[in-house]
Amino acid sequence: MTEAPGFTHLPDLACREFGGGVVWANDELFAERENLIKRAEPVFDTYTFGHKGQVYDGWETRRRREPGQDSAIVRLGLPGVVKAVVVDTAFFTGNYPPFASVQATSAVGHPDPAELTAWEELVPKSPLEGDRKNLFEVDAARRYTHVRLTIHPDGGVARLRVFGEPVPDPALLLPEAVDLAALENGAAVVGCSDMFYGSPGNLIAPGQAAVMGEGWETARRRDDGNDWVDVRLAAAGAVRLVELDTTHFKGNAPGWASVTGRDERTGAEFPVLPRTRLQPDTRHRFPVEAVPEATHARLDIYPDGGMARLRLLGRLTADGLGAITRRYRELS
């Protein structure tokens, strides 16, 4: 029951660095659920005690005194076909679960964990060994977006690895699109309602945010308003996909957001993304129907909170590309 090279050369679809998130667990009294999908191998320091006992680099639930089992739901960072699952009980010896099972489902959009249905069995209830990478081959031939690890009846798991083949959603693939809101492409933040905990400039920075502090976060609102950021796009263009990334923001993500486009040349304003519900710790991606070209975009969050990144993928207009080209030549 050790890892097999035939599977572990595949990407870990659940990995945190790929956008995975542990979106729900019924219990995490001794050790946090988020540890399940950390990329690094688990570690252990003897006699490292917190106020709840020995600190474990994994997910650990309390001892059950009634019938039942514990579960955690993982949103795959890379939805795809699952080929193998590893339930790693590293350093859990007298407190590992004797059995585990894994289910999966495929969801559209960005559902709340309570809205997930139609779970299918990937790994039936199977025995585990302690302090071991327990490998289970999976015979599945469809694309999944979420997996649910169930441990019977309780205990600790260090890591959950979900090896497989990514299958992208073609609606989110935009050939020849550029990020009109990217700092590296020349975009800039030109207005903001609040930046108490983090600069709005972080929203358009390159790469993914490694921690919450690398995003934009506002103070808590105690009125009926909402917070916003105004971005001057790299050049005039038509947005075709909006990405709102709340990664790392769990108890402080906005409840909703909207994006409004503006053409400074004409003064026209128009909706790009209507007010839409957001999930915590999630990379949201929304295809956009045909909208007019814009020179600016305003992100409104309701009522407040934090966001890691804003991406506005789309097509540069001829005028927009010309403006970038002229600036490049003038400064080269």
Protein backbone atom coordinates (compact mmCIF):
# COMPACT_ATOMS: atom_id res chain seq x y z
CA MET A 1 0.00 0.00 0.00
CA THR A 2 2.75 2.46 -0.95
CA GLU A 3 2.79 5.06 -3.70
CA ALA A 4 3.24 3.66 -7.21
CA PRO A 5 5.29 5.52 -9.83
CA GLY A 6 2.62 4.70 -12.40
CA PHE A 7 0.24 7.11 -10.67
CA THR A 8 2.24 9.64 -8.71
CA HIS A 9 3.89 11.11 -11.79
CA LEU A 10 0.43 12.51 -12.53
CA PRO A 11 -0.51 15.90 -11.08
CA ASP A 12 -2.22 16.08 -7.70
CA LEU A 13 -5.56 17.55 -8.74
CA ALA A 14 -6.34 18.59 -5.15
CA CYS A 15 -3.07 20.40 -4.45
CA ARG A 16 -3.33 23.80 -2.82
CA GLU A 17 -0.85 25.34 -5.27
CA PHE A 18 -3.14 24.31 -8.15
CA GLY A 19 -6.12 26.08 -6.58
CA GLY A 20 -7.50 23.23 -4.48
CA GLY A 21 -9.36 23.98 -1.28
CA VAL A 22 -10.86 22.07 1.64
CA VAL A 23 -14.28 23.69 1.56
CA TRP A 24 -15.95 21.80 4.42
CA ALA A 25 -15.36 19.36 7.25
CA ASN A 26 -17.76 18.29 9.95
CA ASP A 27 -15.02 18.40 12.60
CA GLU A 28 -11.42 19.61 12.92
CA LEU A 29 -11.00 19.94 16.66
CA PHE A 30 -7.41 18.70 16.90
CA ALA A 31 -5.90 19.68 13.53
CA GLU A 32 -7.05 21.88 10.67
CA ARG A 33 -8.62 20.45 7.54
CA GLU A 34 -6.54 22.74 5.27
CA ASN A 35 -3.45 20.65 6.02
CA LEU A 36 -4.89 17.82 3.91
CA ILE A 37 -3.91 19.41 0.58
CA LYS A 38 -0.59 21.07 1.41
CA ARG A 39 1.99 20.31 -1.23
CA ALA A 40 4.86 19.71 1.20
CA GLU A 41 5.30 16.32 2.80
CA PRO A 42 3.98 16.18 6.39
CA VAL A 43 6.34 16.82 9.29
CA PHE A 44 6.23 16.06 13.00
CA ASP A 45 7.91 17.63 16.02
CA THR A 46 7.88 15.63 19.23
CA TYR A 47 6.37 17.30 22.31
CA THR A 48 4.99 20.27 20.39
CA PHE A 49 1.78 20.95 22.26
CA GLY A 50 -0.88 23.59 21.69
CA HIS A 51 -3.98 24.30 23.72
CA LYS A 52 -5.71 21.31 22.09
CA GLY A 53 -2.86 18.84 22.50
CA GLN A 54 -0.03 17.60 20.28
CA VAL A 55 0.23 19.66 17.10
CA TYR A 56 -0.21 17.51 13.97
CA ASP A 57 0.49 18.46 10.37
CA GLY A 58 -2.75 17.00 9.09
CA TRP A 59 -6.51 16.85 9.68
CA GLU A 60 -7.62 15.30 12.98
CA THR A 61 -11.09 15.00 14.47
CA ARG A 62 -12.18 14.41 18.06
CA ARG A 63 -12.82 10.93 19.44
CA ARG A 64 -16.37 9.88 18.65
CA ARG A 65 -18.63 8.78 21.50
CA GLU A 66 -21.59 8.04 19.24
CA PRO A 67 -22.11 6.17 15.94
CA GLY A 68 -21.09 7.92 12.75
CA GLN A 69 -18.08 9.04 10.73
CA ASP A 70 -16.20 12.21 9.83
CA SER A 71 -15.86 13.80 6.40
CA ALA A 72 -14.05 16.57 4.56
CA ILE A 73 -14.87 17.95 1.10
CA VAL A 74 -12.09 19.07 -1.24
CA ARG A 75 -12.66 21.25 -4.29
CA LEU A 76 -10.16 20.14 -6.92
CA GLY A 77 -7.88 22.89 -8.16
CA LEU A 78 -7.66 21.00 -11.46
CA PRO A 79 -10.94 19.24 -12.25
CA GLY A 80 -10.34 16.04 -14.13
CA VAL A 81 -10.33 12.25 -14.28
CA VAL A 82 -9.12 10.65 -11.05
CA LYS A 83 -6.70 7.75 -11.45
CA ALA A 84 -5.55 7.14 -7.87
CA VAL A 85 -6.03 8.43 -4.34
CA VAL A 86 -3.50 8.43 -1.52
CA VAL A 87 -4.72 8.70 2.06
CA ASP A 88 -1.50 9.52 3.89
CA THR A 89 -1.59 8.83 7.64
CA ALA A 90 2.01 9.96 8.24
CA PHE A 91 2.80 10.26 11.97
CA PHE A 92 -0.69 9.18 12.96
CA THR A 93 -0.10 5.92 14.81
CA GLY A 94 -2.49 5.48 17.73
CA ASN A 95 -4.97 7.95 16.29
CA TYR A 96 -5.37 7.12 12.58
CA PRO A 97 -8.76 6.02 11.18
CA PRO A 98 -9.08 2.27 10.72
CA PHE A 99 -11.09 2.77 7.51
CA ALA A 100 -11.68 5.42 4.85
CA SER A 101 -13.78 5.90 1.74
CA VAL A 102 -13.74 8.50 -1.04
CA GLN A 103 -16.61 9.86 -3.12
CA ALA A 104 -16.63 12.42 -5.95
CA THR A 105 -19.03 14.66 -7.82
CA SER A 106 -19.02 17.04 -10.75
CA ALA A 107 -20.54 20.49 -10.22
CA VAL A 108 -21.11 23.47 -12.47
CA GLY A 109 -20.04 26.93 -11.37
CA HIS A 110 -19.11 27.69 -7.77
CA PRO A 111 -21.60 25.94 -5.46
CA ASP A 112 -21.73 26.10 -1.70
CA PRO A 113 -20.63 22.77 -0.15
CA ALA A 114 -24.19 22.15 1.07
CA GLU A 115 -25.39 22.32 -2.55
CA LEU A 116 -23.19 19.46 -3.76
CA THR A 117 -25.14 16.33 -4.71
CA ALA A 118 -24.89 13.16 -6.80
CA TRP A 119 -21.82 11.75 -5.05
CA GLU A 120 -20.26 8.72 -6.72
CA GLU A 121 -18.00 6.18 -5.05
CA LEU A 122 -14.33 6.22 -6.04
CA VAL A 123 -12.95 4.19 -3.13
CA PRO A 124 -15.27 1.96 -1.07
CA LYS A 125 -14.82 1.72 2.69
CA SER A 126 -11.32 0.27 2.92
CA PRO A 127 -8.83 -0.47 5.72
CA LEU A 128 -6.00 1.97 6.42
CA GLU A 129 -2.59 1.50 7.98
CA GLY A 130 -1.11 4.05 10.33
CA ASP A 131 1.90 6.19 9.42
CA ARG A 132 1.60 5.06 5.81
CA LYS A 133 0.79 6.33 2.32
CA ASN A 134 -2.32 4.25 1.63
CA LEU A 135 -2.75 4.05 -2.15
CA PHE A 136 -6.03 3.21 -3.86
CA GLU A 137 -6.37 2.87 -7.62
CA VAL A 138 -9.52 4.43 -9.06
CA ASP A 139 -11.47 3.08 -12.00
CA ALA A 140 -13.35 6.17 -13.17
CA ALA A 141 -13.93 7.58 -16.62
CA ARG A 142 -15.51 10.98 -16.03
CA ARG A 143 -14.51 14.49 -14.96
CA TYR A 144 -14.93 15.43 -11.29
CA THR A 145 -14.73 18.81 -9.55
CA HIS A 146 -14.95 17.76 -5.87
CA VAL A 147 -14.00 14.77 -3.74
CA ARG A 148 -15.18 13.81 -0.26
CA LEU A 149 -12.93 11.92 2.13
CA THR A 150 -14.82 10.01 4.81
CA ILE A 151 -12.98 8.43 7.72
CA HIS A 152 -14.58 5.68 9.79
CA PRO A 153 -15.19 6.51 12.56
CA ASP A 154 -12.70 9.32 13.40
CA GLY A 155 -8.98 10.10 13.68
CA GLY A 156 -6.24 11.83 11.75
CA VAL A 157 -5.08 11.99 8.11
CA ALA A 158 -1.97 13.95 7.15
CA ARG A 159 -2.53 14.39 3.40
CA LEU A 160 -5.05 13.52 0.72
CA ARG A 161 -3.54 13.19 -2.75
CA VAL A 162 -5.82 12.94 -5.79
CA PHE A 163 -3.74 11.94 -8.80
CA GLY A 164 -5.28 12.24 -12.23
CA GLU A 165 -5.56 13.93 -15.59
CA PRO A 166 -6.88 17.52 -15.77
CA VAL A 167 -9.84 18.14 -18.09
CA PRO A 168 -10.42 21.87 -18.74
CA ASP A 169 -13.79 23.49 -19.33
CA PRO A 170 -13.74 24.77 -22.93
CA ALA A 171 -15.98 27.69 -21.93
CA LEU A 172 -13.04 29.01 -19.92
CA LEU A 173 -10.47 28.70 -22.72
CA LEU A 174 -9.93 31.95 -24.60
CA PRO A 175 -7.48 31.71 -27.50
CA GLU A 176 -5.53 34.92 -28.10
CA ALA A 177 -6.96 36.59 -24.97
CA VAL A 178 -4.87 38.86 -22.74
CA ASP A 179 -5.38 39.99 -19.16
CA LEU A 180 -6.59 43.56 -19.63
CA ALA A 181 -6.27 44.21 -15.88
CA ALA A 182 -2.71 42.89 -15.42
CA LEU A 183 -0.12 45.18 -13.88
CA GLU A 184 2.55 43.62 -16.11
CA ASN A 185 0.49 44.60 -19.18
CA GLY A 186 0.22 48.22 -18.09
CA ALA A 187 -3.01 48.30 -16.05
CA ALA A 188 -3.20 50.36 -12.86
CA VAL A 189 -5.49 50.90 -9.89
CA VAL A 190 -6.78 54.48 -10.06
CA GLY A 191 -9.34 54.50 -7.24
CA CYS A 192 -10.32 52.57 -4.13
CA SER A 193 -12.85 52.89 -1.31
CA ASP A 194 -10.69 51.31 1.41
CA MET A 195 -7.34 49.53 1.80
CA PHE A 196 -7.11 49.08 5.54
CA TYR A 197 -5.49 45.61 5.51
CA GLY A 198 -4.03 45.31 2.02
CA SER A 199 -3.23 47.41 -1.03
CA PRO A 200 -5.66 47.19 -3.98
CA GLY A 201 -2.60 47.09 -6.24
CA ASN A 202 -2.12 43.50 -5.10
CA LEU A 203 -5.24 42.54 -7.04
CA ILE A 204 -3.52 42.97 -10.41
CA ALA A 205 -0.05 41.72 -9.42
CA PRO A 206 1.56 38.83 -11.34
CA GLY A 207 1.20 35.27 -10.10
CA GLN A 208 -0.98 33.81 -7.39
CA ALA A 209 -1.17 35.14 -3.84
CA ALA A 210 0.84 32.92 -1.49
CA VAL A 211 -0.86 34.21 1.68
CA MET A 212 -3.81 36.40 2.60
CA GLY A 213 -1.53 39.40 3.06
CA GLU A 214 -0.73 39.41 -0.67
CA GLY A 215 -4.30 40.40 -1.55
CA TRP A 216 -6.59 43.40 -1.00
CA GLU A 217 -8.66 43.55 2.18
CA THR A 218 -10.90 46.27 3.58
CA ALA A 219 -11.99 47.12 7.10
CA ARG A 220 -15.30 45.74 8.37
CA ARG A 221 -18.20 47.91 7.27
CA ARG A 222 -20.78 49.01 9.82
CA ASP A 223 -23.00 50.90 7.36
CA ASP A 224 -25.13 50.12 4.30
CA GLY A 225 -22.40 50.76 1.71
CA ASN A 226 -19.91 48.55 -0.07
CA ASP A 227 -16.24 48.65 -1.08
CA TRP A 228 -14.81 49.02 -4.58
CA VAL A 229 -11.70 49.32 -6.72
CA ASP A 230 -11.37 51.19 -10.03
CA VAL A 231 -8.85 49.84 -12.56
CA ARG A 232 -7.52 51.54 -15.67
CA LEU A 233 -7.10 48.73 -18.16
CA ALA A 234 -3.84 48.14 -19.98
CA ALA A 235 -5.59 49.41 -23.13
CA ALA A 236 -9.05 49.48 -24.66
CA GLY A 237 -10.51 46.01 -24.97
CA ALA A 238 -13.57 43.79 -24.64
CA VAL A 239 -13.69 41.56 -21.55
CA ARG A 240 -14.62 37.93 -22.20
CA LEU A 241 -13.84 36.30 -18.85
CA VAL A 242 -13.79 37.64 -15.28
CA GLU A 243 -11.68 35.91 -12.62
CA LEU A 244 -12.36 36.80 -8.98
CA ASP A 245 -9.95 34.92 -6.73
CA THR A 246 -10.74 34.77 -3.00
CA THR A 247 -7.94 32.28 -2.27
CA HIS A 248 -6.85 32.41 1.42
CA PHE A 249 -9.87 34.54 2.36
CA LYS A 250 -12.09 32.16 4.34
CA GLY A 251 -14.00 34.00 7.05
CA ASN A 252 -13.49 37.36 5.38
CA ALA A 253 -14.30 36.88 1.69
CA PRO A 254 -16.93 39.18 0.17
CA GLY A 255 -20.41 37.70 -0.04
CA TRP A 256 -20.98 39.05 -3.56
CA ALA A 257 -19.21 41.03 -6.28
CA SER A 258 -19.93 42.80 -9.54
CA VAL A 259 -17.81 44.29 -12.34
CA THR A 260 -18.77 47.38 -14.35
CA GLY A 261 -17.02 48.49 -17.53
CA ARG A 262 -16.47 52.11 -18.53
CA ASP A 263 -15.25 53.77 -21.71
CA GLU A 264 -13.54 57.00 -20.71
CA ARG A 265 -13.62 58.20 -24.31
CA THR A 266 -17.42 58.28 -24.43
CA GLY A 267 -18.44 58.18 -20.78
CA ALA A 268 -20.48 55.02 -21.35
CA GLU A 269 -20.87 52.53 -18.46
CA PHE A 270 -22.21 48.99 -18.74
CA PRO A 271 -22.37 45.78 -16.66
CA VAL A 272 -19.68 43.18 -17.30
CA LEU A 273 -20.58 40.84 -14.42
CA PRO A 274 -23.82 41.38 -12.48
CA ARG A 275 -23.86 41.09 -8.70
CA THR A 276 -22.84 37.47 -8.19
CA ARG A 277 -22.46 35.28 -5.12
CA LEU A 278 -18.90 34.36 -4.14
CA GLN A 279 -17.46 31.45 -2.17
CA PRO A 280 -14.59 31.73 0.33
CA ASP A 281 -11.11 30.56 -0.68
CA THR A 282 -12.12 29.98 -4.32
CA ARG A 283 -10.82 30.96 -7.74
CA HIS A 284 -14.05 32.00 -9.49
CA ARG A 285 -14.08 32.19 -13.29
CA PHE A 286 -17.07 33.65 -15.14
CA PRO A 287 -17.40 33.68 -18.96
CA VAL A 288 -18.82 36.99 -20.18
CA GLU A 289 -21.30 37.49 -23.00
CA ALA A 290 -20.49 40.12 -25.63
CA VAL A 291 -19.93 43.50 -23.97
CA PRO A 292 -18.71 46.83 -25.38
CA GLU A 293 -15.06 47.74 -25.29
CA ALA A 294 -13.84 49.42 -22.14
CA THR A 295 -10.90 51.48 -20.95
CA HIS A 296 -11.66 51.05 -17.22
CA ALA A 297 -13.36 48.51 -14.95
CA ARG A 298 -14.78 48.87 -11.46
CA LEU A 299 -14.92 45.93 -9.07
CA ASP A 300 -17.58 46.24 -6.36
CA ILE A 301 -17.56 43.84 -3.40
CA TYR A 302 -20.52 43.48 -1.07
CA PRO A 303 -20.35 44.53 1.61
CA ASP A 304 -16.61 44.31 2.37
CA GLY A 305 -13.82 41.77 2.76
CA GLY A 306 -10.78 40.57 0.89
CA MET A 307 -9.79 39.29 -2.52
CA ALA A 308 -6.50 37.87 -3.74
CA ARG A 309 -6.59 38.63 -7.47
CA LEU A 310 -8.71 40.24 -10.20
CA ARG A 311 -8.23 39.07 -13.78
CA LEU A 312 -10.12 40.47 -16.78
CA LEU A 313 -9.27 38.36 -19.82
CA GLY A 314 -10.31 39.65 -23.19
CA ARG A 315 -9.49 40.94 -26.63
CA LEU A 316 -7.57 44.11 -27.28
CA THR A 317 -9.19 46.40 -29.83
CA ALA A 318 -7.15 47.69 -32.75
CA ASP A 319 -6.99 51.07 -30.99
CA GLY A 320 -5.89 49.42 -27.76
CA LEU A 321 -3.13 47.41 -29.38
CA GLY A 322 -2.03 50.50 -31.28
CA ALA A 323 -1.77 52.49 -28.06
CA ILE A 324 0.39 49.82 -26.41
CA THR A 325 2.59 49.56 -29.52
CA ARG A 326 3.11 53.32 -29.71
CA ARG A 327 4.02 53.54 -26.03
CA TYR A 328 6.46 50.65 -26.38
CA ARG A 329 8.20 52.29 -29.36
CA GLU A 330 8.31 55.71 -27.71
CA LEU A 331 10.01 54.29 -24.62
CA SER A 332 12.34 51.81 -26.30
